[in-house]
């Protein structure tokens, strides 16, 4: 029920396991990468079960999602996968004060660690420039920190470490770190 007319899925940031993030609610790389991976998994199961029509259907869906994610959630200027706003997402869902507010169809102006999740599922096509995103991981102006990578880039004005409540606008978190390390391992294969 979160599929939009553009073929991508939206989600409330705190329902995605990221609590209240700077990027906030919208068309997020995390959920859309999950949907891509689900389509690939079902396609692979159908292949093993010799269900050719189901296999083709889900591999086609995965290929379409891959293209949409790369075309819409990749910021070529910043070289990073980001959350996008969409006019069909109810505005009351942007209830997070920390969420970057921008016009529908625009990418938020923050890099969040979940921008690496597409590699967790081997989604980005190699050799198309997507690898640029990995430069930020070891840069102390962005994600590199003594206790592990931060959730959002450290140079963003809303970056915070010691917030009250469930704000994912700063500190490192094991879940996002483990996904990022798996994504990096997939990139290196």
N, C-alpha and C. Protein backbone atom coordinates (compact mmCIF):
# COMPACT_ATOMS: atom_id res chain seq x y z
N UNK A 1 0.81 -1.21 0.00
CA UNK A 1 0.00 0.00 0.00
C UNK A 1 0.85 1.26 0.00
N UNK A 2 2.16 1.12 -0.09
CA UNK A 2 3.05 2.28 -0.13
C UNK A 2 3.67 2.49 -1.51
N UNK A 3 3.12 1.80 -2.52
CA UNK A 3 3.60 1.94 -3.89
C UNK A 3 3.03 3.22 -4.49
N UNK A 4 3.90 4.04 -5.07
CA UNK A 4 3.48 5.29 -5.69
C UNK A 4 3.36 5.14 -7.20
N UNK A 5 2.76 6.12 -7.82
CA UNK A 5 2.55 6.09 -9.27
C UNK A 5 3.87 6.06 -10.05
N UNK A 6 4.96 6.48 -9.45
CA UNK A 6 6.26 6.46 -10.14
C UNK A 6 6.96 5.11 -10.04
N UNK A 7 6.32 4.12 -9.40
CA UNK A 7 6.88 2.78 -9.31
C UNK A 7 7.77 2.53 -8.10
N UNK A 8 7.96 3.55 -7.26
CA UNK A 8 8.77 3.41 -6.05
C UNK A 8 7.87 3.38 -4.82
N UNK A 9 8.45 2.99 -3.70
CA UNK A 9 7.71 2.85 -2.44
C UNK A 9 8.13 3.93 -1.45
N UNK A 10 7.19 4.39 -0.65
CA UNK A 10 7.51 5.37 0.38
C UNK A 10 7.34 4.74 1.75
N UNK A 11 7.97 5.37 2.74
CA UNK A 11 7.85 4.88 4.10
C UNK A 11 8.09 6.02 5.09
N UNK A 12 7.45 5.90 6.24
CA UNK A 12 7.69 6.79 7.36
C UNK A 12 9.03 6.34 7.96
N UNK A 13 9.93 7.26 8.16
CA UNK A 13 11.28 6.88 8.59
C UNK A 13 11.29 6.04 9.86
N UNK A 14 10.49 6.38 10.83
CA UNK A 14 10.51 5.63 12.10
C UNK A 14 9.89 4.23 11.96
N UNK A 15 9.16 3.97 10.91
CA UNK A 15 8.57 2.65 10.69
C UNK A 15 9.54 1.74 9.94
N UNK A 16 10.63 2.30 9.52
CA UNK A 16 11.62 1.58 8.73
C UNK A 16 12.76 1.08 9.63
N UNK A 17 12.68 1.37 10.90
CA UNK A 17 13.74 0.98 11.82
C UNK A 17 14.81 2.03 11.94
N UNK A 18 14.56 3.22 11.44
CA UNK A 18 15.56 4.29 11.50
C UNK A 18 15.14 5.41 12.43
N UNK A 19 14.08 5.20 13.14
CA UNK A 19 13.53 6.21 14.06
C UNK A 19 13.35 7.53 13.32
N UNK A 20 13.53 8.65 13.98
CA UNK A 20 13.32 9.94 13.34
C UNK A 20 14.64 10.43 12.77
N UNK A 21 14.74 10.41 11.47
CA UNK A 21 15.99 10.76 10.81
C UNK A 21 15.92 12.17 10.22
N UNK A 22 17.08 12.71 9.87
CA UNK A 22 17.10 14.03 9.24
C UNK A 22 16.37 13.96 7.90
N UNK A 23 16.58 12.88 7.16
CA UNK A 23 15.93 12.72 5.85
C UNK A 23 14.43 12.56 5.93
N UNK A 24 13.96 11.99 7.02
CA UNK A 24 12.53 11.87 7.26
C UNK A 24 11.79 10.92 6.33
N UNK A 25 10.47 11.09 6.32
CA UNK A 25 9.57 10.27 5.53
C UNK A 25 9.70 10.58 4.05
N UNK A 26 9.55 9.55 3.23
CA UNK A 26 9.58 9.75 1.78
C UNK A 26 9.92 8.47 1.06
N UNK A 27 10.40 8.61 -0.15
CA UNK A 27 10.83 7.47 -0.96
C UNK A 27 12.27 7.21 -0.54
N UNK A 28 12.44 6.20 0.29
CA UNK A 28 13.73 5.97 0.95
C UNK A 28 14.51 4.83 0.30
N UNK A 29 15.84 4.97 0.22
CA UNK A 29 16.66 3.90 -0.36
C UNK A 29 16.53 2.56 0.36
N UNK A 30 16.36 2.59 1.68
CA UNK A 30 16.28 1.35 2.45
C UNK A 30 15.09 0.50 2.02
N UNK A 31 13.88 1.04 2.10
CA UNK A 31 12.68 0.27 1.75
C UNK A 31 12.73 -0.18 0.29
N UNK A 32 13.11 0.71 -0.61
CA UNK A 32 13.12 0.34 -2.02
C UNK A 32 14.17 -0.72 -2.34
N UNK A 33 15.28 -0.71 -1.61
CA UNK A 33 16.28 -1.77 -1.76
C UNK A 33 15.73 -3.10 -1.25
N UNK A 34 14.99 -3.05 -0.14
CA UNK A 34 14.33 -4.27 0.37
C UNK A 34 13.37 -4.84 -0.67
N UNK A 35 12.60 -3.96 -1.30
CA UNK A 35 11.63 -4.42 -2.30
C UNK A 35 12.33 -5.03 -3.52
N UNK A 36 13.43 -4.43 -3.92
CA UNK A 36 14.25 -4.99 -5.01
C UNK A 36 14.73 -6.39 -4.62
N UNK A 37 15.27 -6.51 -3.42
CA UNK A 37 15.80 -7.79 -2.95
C UNK A 37 14.69 -8.85 -2.86
N UNK A 38 13.52 -8.43 -2.42
CA UNK A 38 12.39 -9.37 -2.33
C UNK A 38 12.01 -9.89 -3.72
N UNK A 39 11.96 -9.00 -4.69
CA UNK A 39 11.62 -9.42 -6.06
C UNK A 39 12.69 -10.37 -6.61
N UNK A 40 13.96 -10.09 -6.33
CA UNK A 40 15.04 -10.99 -6.78
C UNK A 40 14.91 -12.35 -6.10
N UNK A 41 14.61 -12.37 -4.81
CA UNK A 41 14.50 -13.63 -4.07
C UNK A 41 13.35 -14.48 -4.61
N UNK A 42 12.20 -13.85 -4.83
CA UNK A 42 11.06 -14.59 -5.36
C UNK A 42 11.37 -15.11 -6.77
N UNK A 43 12.03 -14.29 -7.58
CA UNK A 43 12.44 -14.72 -8.91
C UNK A 43 13.37 -15.92 -8.85
N UNK A 44 14.30 -15.90 -7.92
CA UNK A 44 15.23 -17.03 -7.76
C UNK A 44 14.53 -18.30 -7.28
N UNK A 45 13.59 -18.15 -6.36
CA UNK A 45 12.81 -19.30 -5.89
C UNK A 45 11.97 -19.88 -7.04
N UNK A 46 11.36 -18.99 -7.81
CA UNK A 46 10.56 -19.45 -8.96
C UNK A 46 11.44 -20.18 -9.98
N UNK A 47 12.67 -19.69 -10.16
CA UNK A 47 13.61 -20.37 -11.06
C UNK A 47 13.88 -21.79 -10.57
N UNK A 48 14.16 -21.93 -9.27
CA UNK A 48 14.44 -23.25 -8.70
C UNK A 48 13.23 -24.18 -8.77
N UNK A 49 12.04 -23.58 -8.74
CA UNK A 49 10.80 -24.37 -8.80
C UNK A 49 10.31 -24.56 -10.24
N UNK A 50 11.10 -24.09 -11.21
CA UNK A 50 10.75 -24.18 -12.63
C UNK A 50 9.41 -23.51 -12.95
N UNK A 51 9.16 -22.39 -12.30
CA UNK A 51 7.95 -21.59 -12.55
C UNK A 51 8.36 -20.38 -13.40
N UNK A 52 8.56 -20.61 -14.68
CA UNK A 52 9.12 -19.63 -15.60
C UNK A 52 8.35 -18.31 -15.63
N UNK A 53 7.02 -18.36 -15.63
CA UNK A 53 6.22 -17.13 -15.70
C UNK A 53 6.41 -16.27 -14.44
N UNK A 54 6.45 -16.92 -13.29
CA UNK A 54 6.66 -16.19 -12.03
C UNK A 54 8.09 -15.64 -11.99
N UNK A 55 9.03 -16.46 -12.39
CA UNK A 55 10.44 -16.04 -12.43
C UNK A 55 10.60 -14.78 -13.28
N UNK A 56 10.08 -14.82 -14.49
CA UNK A 56 10.20 -13.67 -15.39
C UNK A 56 9.52 -12.43 -14.82
N UNK A 57 8.35 -12.61 -14.22
CA UNK A 57 7.61 -11.50 -13.65
C UNK A 57 8.43 -10.78 -12.56
N UNK A 58 9.00 -11.56 -11.64
CA UNK A 58 9.72 -10.95 -10.53
C UNK A 58 11.09 -10.42 -10.94
N UNK A 59 11.76 -11.07 -11.86
CA UNK A 59 13.03 -10.53 -12.33
C UNK A 59 12.81 -9.23 -13.11
N UNK A 60 11.70 -9.15 -13.84
CA UNK A 60 11.35 -7.90 -14.53
C UNK A 60 11.06 -6.80 -13.51
N UNK A 61 10.30 -7.14 -12.46
CA UNK A 61 9.99 -6.17 -11.41
C UNK A 61 11.29 -5.68 -10.74
N UNK A 62 12.20 -6.59 -10.46
CA UNK A 62 13.47 -6.21 -9.84
C UNK A 62 14.28 -5.29 -10.75
N UNK A 63 14.32 -5.60 -12.03
CA UNK A 63 15.07 -4.77 -12.99
C UNK A 63 14.47 -3.37 -13.07
N UNK A 64 13.14 -3.29 -13.05
CA UNK A 64 12.48 -1.98 -13.09
C UNK A 64 12.77 -1.19 -11.82
N UNK A 65 12.71 -1.85 -10.67
CA UNK A 65 13.03 -1.17 -9.40
C UNK A 65 14.48 -0.69 -9.39
N UNK A 66 15.39 -1.52 -9.84
CA UNK A 66 16.81 -1.13 -9.90
C UNK A 66 16.96 0.16 -10.70
N UNK A 67 16.36 0.19 -11.87
CA UNK A 67 16.45 1.38 -12.72
C UNK A 67 15.84 2.60 -12.03
N UNK A 68 14.66 2.43 -11.44
CA UNK A 68 14.00 3.55 -10.77
C UNK A 68 14.82 4.07 -9.58
N UNK A 69 15.39 3.17 -8.82
CA UNK A 69 16.21 3.58 -7.67
C UNK A 69 17.44 4.33 -8.16
N UNK A 70 18.12 3.80 -9.15
CA UNK A 70 19.32 4.46 -9.66
C UNK A 70 18.98 5.80 -10.32
N UNK A 71 17.87 5.85 -11.04
CA UNK A 71 17.51 7.09 -11.74
C UNK A 71 16.93 8.16 -10.82
N UNK A 72 16.26 7.76 -9.73
CA UNK A 72 15.54 8.73 -8.91
C UNK A 72 16.15 8.99 -7.53
N UNK A 73 16.76 8.01 -6.94
CA UNK A 73 17.28 8.20 -5.58
C UNK A 73 18.78 8.48 -5.54
N UNK A 74 19.44 8.39 -6.67
CA UNK A 74 20.86 8.72 -6.75
C UNK A 74 21.00 10.21 -7.01
N UNK A 75 21.78 10.88 -6.17
CA UNK A 75 22.08 12.30 -6.35
C UNK A 75 23.42 12.39 -7.08
N UNK A 76 23.42 12.71 -8.38
CA UNK A 76 24.67 12.73 -9.14
C UNK A 76 25.62 13.85 -8.70
N UNK A 77 25.08 14.90 -8.10
CA UNK A 77 25.93 15.99 -7.63
C UNK A 77 26.70 15.57 -6.39
N UNK A 78 25.98 15.02 -5.40
CA UNK A 78 26.62 14.57 -4.16
C UNK A 78 27.18 13.16 -4.26
N UNK A 79 26.77 12.41 -5.26
CA UNK A 79 27.25 11.04 -5.40
C UNK A 79 26.79 10.16 -4.27
N UNK A 80 25.45 10.11 -4.05
CA UNK A 80 24.92 9.34 -2.92
C UNK A 80 23.46 9.02 -3.15
N UNK A 81 22.99 7.87 -2.62
CA UNK A 81 21.57 7.53 -2.66
C UNK A 81 20.88 8.24 -1.49
N UNK A 82 19.77 8.93 -1.80
CA UNK A 82 19.08 9.75 -0.80
C UNK A 82 17.57 9.53 -0.83
N UNK A 83 16.91 10.05 0.19
CA UNK A 83 15.45 10.04 0.28
C UNK A 83 14.89 11.12 -0.64
N UNK A 84 13.74 10.80 -1.27
CA UNK A 84 13.07 11.77 -2.14
C UNK A 84 11.66 12.04 -1.62
N UNK A 85 11.22 13.26 -1.77
CA UNK A 85 9.84 13.63 -1.45
C UNK A 85 8.95 13.31 -2.65
N UNK A 86 7.66 13.12 -2.40
CA UNK A 86 6.71 12.82 -3.47
C UNK A 86 5.37 13.45 -3.12
N UNK A 87 4.69 13.99 -4.12
CA UNK A 87 3.42 14.70 -3.88
C UNK A 87 2.31 13.80 -3.37
N UNK A 88 2.41 12.48 -3.59
CA UNK A 88 1.35 11.58 -3.14
C UNK A 88 1.54 11.06 -1.72
N UNK A 89 2.62 11.44 -1.06
CA UNK A 89 2.82 11.06 0.34
C UNK A 89 2.08 12.09 1.18
N UNK A 90 1.15 11.66 2.02
CA UNK A 90 0.37 12.61 2.81
C UNK A 90 1.27 13.54 3.62
N UNK A 91 1.03 14.83 3.54
CA UNK A 91 1.90 15.80 4.21
C UNK A 91 1.91 15.63 5.72
N UNK A 92 0.85 15.06 6.31
CA UNK A 92 0.86 14.85 7.75
C UNK A 92 1.87 13.78 8.16
N UNK A 93 2.40 13.04 7.18
CA UNK A 93 3.42 12.04 7.49
C UNK A 93 4.79 12.68 7.72
N UNK A 94 4.94 13.94 7.33
CA UNK A 94 6.19 14.65 7.56
C UNK A 94 6.14 15.35 8.91
N UNK A 95 5.79 14.60 9.93
CA UNK A 95 5.57 15.15 11.26
C UNK A 95 6.85 15.33 12.04
N UNK A 96 7.96 14.89 11.52
CA UNK A 96 9.23 14.96 12.23
C UNK A 96 9.84 16.35 12.08
N UNK A 97 10.04 17.04 13.17
CA UNK A 97 10.62 18.38 13.13
C UNK A 97 12.03 18.36 12.56
N UNK A 98 12.74 17.25 12.75
CA UNK A 98 14.12 17.16 12.26
C UNK A 98 14.18 16.88 10.77
N UNK A 99 13.07 16.42 10.18
CA UNK A 99 13.09 16.02 8.77
C UNK A 99 13.33 17.21 7.86
N UNK A 100 14.21 17.00 6.92
CA UNK A 100 14.51 18.00 5.90
C UNK A 100 13.25 18.22 5.06
N UNK A 101 12.79 19.43 4.98
CA UNK A 101 11.60 19.73 4.19
C UNK A 101 12.04 20.25 2.83
N UNK A 102 11.52 19.65 1.78
CA UNK A 102 11.82 20.12 0.44
C UNK A 102 10.63 19.78 -0.45
N UNK A 103 10.65 20.31 -1.64
CA UNK A 103 9.53 20.14 -2.56
C UNK A 103 9.43 18.70 -3.06
N UNK A 104 8.21 18.27 -3.40
CA UNK A 104 8.04 16.94 -3.98
C UNK A 104 8.91 16.78 -5.23
N UNK A 105 9.43 15.58 -5.40
CA UNK A 105 10.29 15.30 -6.54
C UNK A 105 11.75 15.64 -6.31
N UNK A 106 12.05 16.19 -5.15
CA UNK A 106 13.43 16.56 -4.84
C UNK A 106 14.02 15.61 -3.80
N UNK A 107 15.31 15.44 -3.91
CA UNK A 107 16.04 14.64 -2.93
C UNK A 107 16.36 15.52 -1.73
N UNK A 108 16.32 14.92 -0.54
CA UNK A 108 16.68 15.68 0.66
C UNK A 108 18.16 16.03 0.60
N UNK A 109 18.55 17.02 1.36
CA UNK A 109 19.92 17.52 1.31
C UNK A 109 20.75 16.97 2.46
N UNK A 110 20.65 15.67 2.67
CA UNK A 110 21.46 15.03 3.71
C UNK A 110 21.84 13.62 3.25
N UNK A 111 23.07 13.27 3.55
CA UNK A 111 23.52 11.89 3.30
C UNK A 111 23.29 11.12 4.59
N UNK A 112 22.60 9.98 4.50
CA UNK A 112 22.36 9.12 5.65
C UNK A 112 22.97 7.75 5.36
N UNK A 113 23.42 7.08 6.39
CA UNK A 113 24.13 5.82 6.23
C UNK A 113 23.33 4.79 5.43
N UNK A 114 22.01 4.88 5.46
CA UNK A 114 21.19 3.94 4.73
C UNK A 114 21.29 4.13 3.22
N UNK A 115 21.99 5.16 2.78
CA UNK A 115 22.29 5.33 1.36
C UNK A 115 23.25 4.27 0.83
N UNK A 116 23.86 3.51 1.74
CA UNK A 116 24.74 2.41 1.34
C UNK A 116 24.00 1.09 1.20
N UNK A 117 22.77 1.02 1.67
CA UNK A 117 22.01 -0.24 1.66
C UNK A 117 21.82 -0.82 0.26
N UNK A 118 21.69 -0.04 -0.80
CA UNK A 118 21.57 -0.68 -2.11
C UNK A 118 22.68 -1.70 -2.40
N UNK A 119 23.89 -1.47 -1.91
CA UNK A 119 24.98 -2.43 -2.12
C UNK A 119 24.79 -3.69 -1.28
N UNK A 120 24.05 -3.59 -0.19
CA UNK A 120 23.76 -4.77 0.63
C UNK A 120 23.10 -5.85 -0.23
N UNK A 121 22.33 -5.40 -1.22
CA UNK A 121 21.60 -6.31 -2.11
C UNK A 121 22.18 -6.33 -3.53
N UNK A 122 23.41 -5.82 -3.67
CA UNK A 122 24.08 -5.79 -4.98
C UNK A 122 23.25 -5.08 -6.03
N UNK A 123 22.57 -4.03 -5.65
CA UNK A 123 21.67 -3.32 -6.55
C UNK A 123 22.40 -2.38 -7.52
N UNK A 124 23.31 -1.50 -7.07
CA UNK A 124 23.91 -0.56 -8.02
C UNK A 124 24.74 -1.27 -9.08
N UNK A 125 24.57 -0.82 -10.31
CA UNK A 125 25.33 -1.40 -11.41
C UNK A 125 26.78 -0.92 -11.33
N UNK A 126 27.70 -1.84 -11.43
CA UNK A 126 29.13 -1.53 -11.35
C UNK A 126 29.57 -0.68 -12.54
N UNK A 127 30.54 0.18 -12.30
CA UNK A 127 31.12 0.98 -13.37
C UNK A 127 30.29 2.15 -13.84
N UNK A 128 29.23 2.49 -13.10
CA UNK A 128 28.37 3.62 -13.51
C UNK A 128 28.55 4.84 -12.60
N UNK A 129 29.58 4.83 -11.76
CA UNK A 129 29.88 5.98 -10.92
C UNK A 129 29.28 5.94 -9.53
N UNK A 130 28.50 4.92 -9.22
CA UNK A 130 27.87 4.84 -7.91
C UNK A 130 28.89 4.63 -6.78
N UNK A 131 30.05 4.09 -7.13
CA UNK A 131 31.08 3.81 -6.13
C UNK A 131 31.59 5.07 -5.45
N UNK A 132 31.35 6.23 -6.04
CA UNK A 132 31.77 7.50 -5.45
C UNK A 132 31.25 7.65 -4.02
N UNK A 133 30.09 7.10 -3.74
CA UNK A 133 29.47 7.24 -2.41
C UNK A 133 30.38 6.74 -1.30
N UNK A 134 31.22 5.78 -1.59
CA UNK A 134 32.05 5.16 -0.55
C UNK A 134 33.16 6.07 -0.06
N UNK A 135 33.46 7.14 -0.78
CA UNK A 135 34.47 8.10 -0.33
C UNK A 135 34.04 8.75 0.99
N UNK A 136 32.75 8.90 1.20
CA UNK A 136 32.24 9.58 2.40
C UNK A 136 32.38 8.74 3.67
N UNK A 137 32.41 7.43 3.53
CA UNK A 137 32.41 6.55 4.70
C UNK A 137 33.64 6.75 5.58
N UNK A 138 34.78 6.99 5.00
CA UNK A 138 36.01 7.13 5.77
C UNK A 138 36.43 8.59 5.95
N UNK A 139 35.57 9.50 5.56
CA UNK A 139 35.85 10.93 5.70
C UNK A 139 35.27 11.43 7.02
N UNK A 140 36.12 12.00 7.88
CA UNK A 140 35.66 12.44 9.20
C UNK A 140 34.73 13.64 9.14
N UNK A 141 34.60 14.27 7.99
CA UNK A 141 33.61 15.35 7.84
C UNK A 141 32.21 14.79 7.58
N UNK A 142 32.14 13.51 7.21
CA UNK A 142 30.86 12.90 6.87
C UNK A 142 30.48 11.79 7.85
N UNK A 143 30.95 10.57 7.67
CA UNK A 143 30.49 9.45 8.49
C UNK A 143 31.54 8.87 9.45
N UNK A 144 32.81 9.03 9.16
CA UNK A 144 33.84 8.41 9.99
C UNK A 144 33.83 9.00 11.40
N UNK A 145 33.81 8.10 12.39
CA UNK A 145 33.80 8.52 13.80
C UNK A 145 34.49 7.43 14.62
N UNK A 146 34.97 7.77 15.81
CA UNK A 146 35.71 6.79 16.64
C UNK A 146 34.91 5.54 17.01
N UNK A 147 33.60 5.66 17.20
CA UNK A 147 32.79 4.51 17.62
C UNK A 147 32.03 3.86 16.47
N UNK A 148 32.41 4.15 15.25
CA UNK A 148 31.72 3.60 14.08
C UNK A 148 31.06 4.69 13.29
N UNK A 149 30.61 4.39 12.08
CA UNK A 149 30.04 5.43 11.23
C UNK A 149 28.76 6.02 11.82
N UNK A 150 28.61 7.32 11.66
CA UNK A 150 27.41 8.00 12.15
C UNK A 150 26.24 7.73 11.23
N UNK A 151 25.03 7.91 11.73
CA UNK A 151 23.82 7.68 10.95
C UNK A 151 23.66 8.71 9.84
N UNK A 152 23.94 9.96 10.15
CA UNK A 152 23.86 11.02 9.14
C UNK A 152 25.22 11.70 9.06
N UNK A 153 25.40 12.44 7.97
CA UNK A 153 26.68 13.11 7.79
C UNK A 153 26.90 14.15 8.89
N UNK A 154 28.11 14.21 9.40
CA UNK A 154 28.42 15.07 10.55
C UNK A 154 28.41 16.56 10.21
N UNK A 155 28.54 16.91 8.94
CA UNK A 155 28.58 18.33 8.59
C UNK A 155 27.20 18.92 8.31
N UNK A 156 26.13 18.13 8.48
CA UNK A 156 24.77 18.65 8.28
C UNK A 156 24.38 19.47 9.51
N UNK A 157 23.69 20.60 9.33
CA UNK A 157 23.33 21.45 10.47
C UNK A 157 22.42 20.78 11.51
N UNK A 158 21.68 19.73 11.14
CA UNK A 158 20.82 19.05 12.10
C UNK A 158 21.47 17.81 12.73
N UNK A 159 22.76 17.60 12.47
CA UNK A 159 23.47 16.48 13.08
C UNK A 159 23.54 16.68 14.59
N UNK A 160 23.10 15.67 15.33
CA UNK A 160 23.11 15.71 16.80
C UNK A 160 23.50 14.33 17.32
N UNK A 161 24.22 14.31 18.44
CA UNK A 161 24.58 13.04 19.08
C UNK A 161 23.71 12.77 20.29
N UNK A 162 23.58 13.67 21.19
CA UNK A 162 22.90 13.43 22.46
C UNK A 162 21.50 14.05 22.51
N UNK A 163 20.65 13.60 21.63
CA UNK A 163 19.27 14.07 21.61
C UNK A 163 18.42 13.24 22.56
N UNK A 164 17.38 13.83 23.08
CA UNK A 164 16.41 13.11 23.89
C UNK A 164 15.43 12.43 22.95
N UNK A 165 15.05 11.22 23.25
CA UNK A 165 14.08 10.51 22.42
C UNK A 165 14.75 9.66 21.36
N UNK A 166 14.02 9.37 20.31
CA UNK A 166 14.49 8.45 19.27
C UNK A 166 14.89 9.21 18.02
N UNK A 167 15.89 10.03 18.12
CA UNK A 167 16.36 10.80 16.98
C UNK A 167 17.58 10.13 16.38
N UNK A 168 17.49 9.77 15.12
CA UNK A 168 18.61 9.16 14.43
C UNK A 168 19.27 10.21 13.56
N UNK A 169 19.79 11.23 14.21
CA UNK A 169 20.42 12.32 13.48
C UNK A 169 21.90 12.42 13.81
N UNK A 170 22.48 11.33 14.30
CA UNK A 170 23.88 11.41 14.65
C UNK A 170 24.55 10.10 14.95
N UNK A 171 24.47 9.68 16.19
CA UNK A 171 25.30 8.58 16.72
C UNK A 171 25.27 7.31 15.88
N UNK A 172 26.32 6.54 16.04
CA UNK A 172 26.44 5.25 15.36
C UNK A 172 25.41 4.27 15.92
N UNK A 173 24.99 3.34 15.08
CA UNK A 173 24.01 2.33 15.48
C UNK A 173 24.43 1.01 14.87
N UNK A 174 24.45 -0.06 15.65
CA UNK A 174 24.93 -1.37 15.19
C UNK A 174 24.20 -1.87 13.95
N UNK A 175 22.88 -1.68 13.89
CA UNK A 175 22.09 -2.16 12.75
C UNK A 175 22.58 -1.52 11.45
N UNK A 176 22.70 -0.20 11.43
CA UNK A 176 23.13 0.48 10.21
C UNK A 176 24.59 0.19 9.90
N UNK A 177 25.41 0.07 10.93
CA UNK A 177 26.82 -0.24 10.71
C UNK A 177 26.98 -1.63 10.09
N UNK A 178 26.24 -2.61 10.60
CA UNK A 178 26.36 -3.97 10.05
C UNK A 178 25.88 -4.02 8.61
N UNK A 179 24.82 -3.29 8.30
CA UNK A 179 24.34 -3.27 6.91
C UNK A 179 25.38 -2.61 6.00
N UNK A 180 25.99 -1.55 6.49
CA UNK A 180 27.00 -0.84 5.70
C UNK A 180 28.23 -1.71 5.47
N UNK A 181 28.67 -2.44 6.50
CA UNK A 181 29.84 -3.31 6.33
C UNK A 181 29.56 -4.45 5.35
N UNK A 182 28.35 -5.02 5.42
CA UNK A 182 27.98 -6.06 4.44
C UNK A 182 27.92 -5.47 3.03
N UNK A 183 27.37 -4.27 2.91
CA UNK A 183 27.30 -3.59 1.62
C UNK A 183 28.70 -3.36 1.07
N UNK A 184 29.62 -2.94 1.93
CA UNK A 184 30.99 -2.69 1.50
C UNK A 184 31.65 -4.01 1.06
N UNK A 185 31.41 -5.08 1.80
CA UNK A 185 31.96 -6.38 1.41
C UNK A 185 31.42 -6.80 0.04
N UNK A 186 30.15 -6.56 -0.21
CA UNK A 186 29.57 -6.88 -1.52
C UNK A 186 30.23 -6.05 -2.63
N UNK A 187 30.52 -4.80 -2.34
CA UNK A 187 31.16 -3.93 -3.32
C UNK A 187 32.54 -4.47 -3.68
N UNK A 188 33.25 -5.02 -2.71
CA UNK A 188 34.62 -5.49 -2.91
C UNK A 188 34.70 -6.84 -3.59
N UNK A 189 33.58 -7.54 -3.72
CA UNK A 189 33.61 -8.87 -4.36
C UNK A 189 33.85 -8.79 -5.82
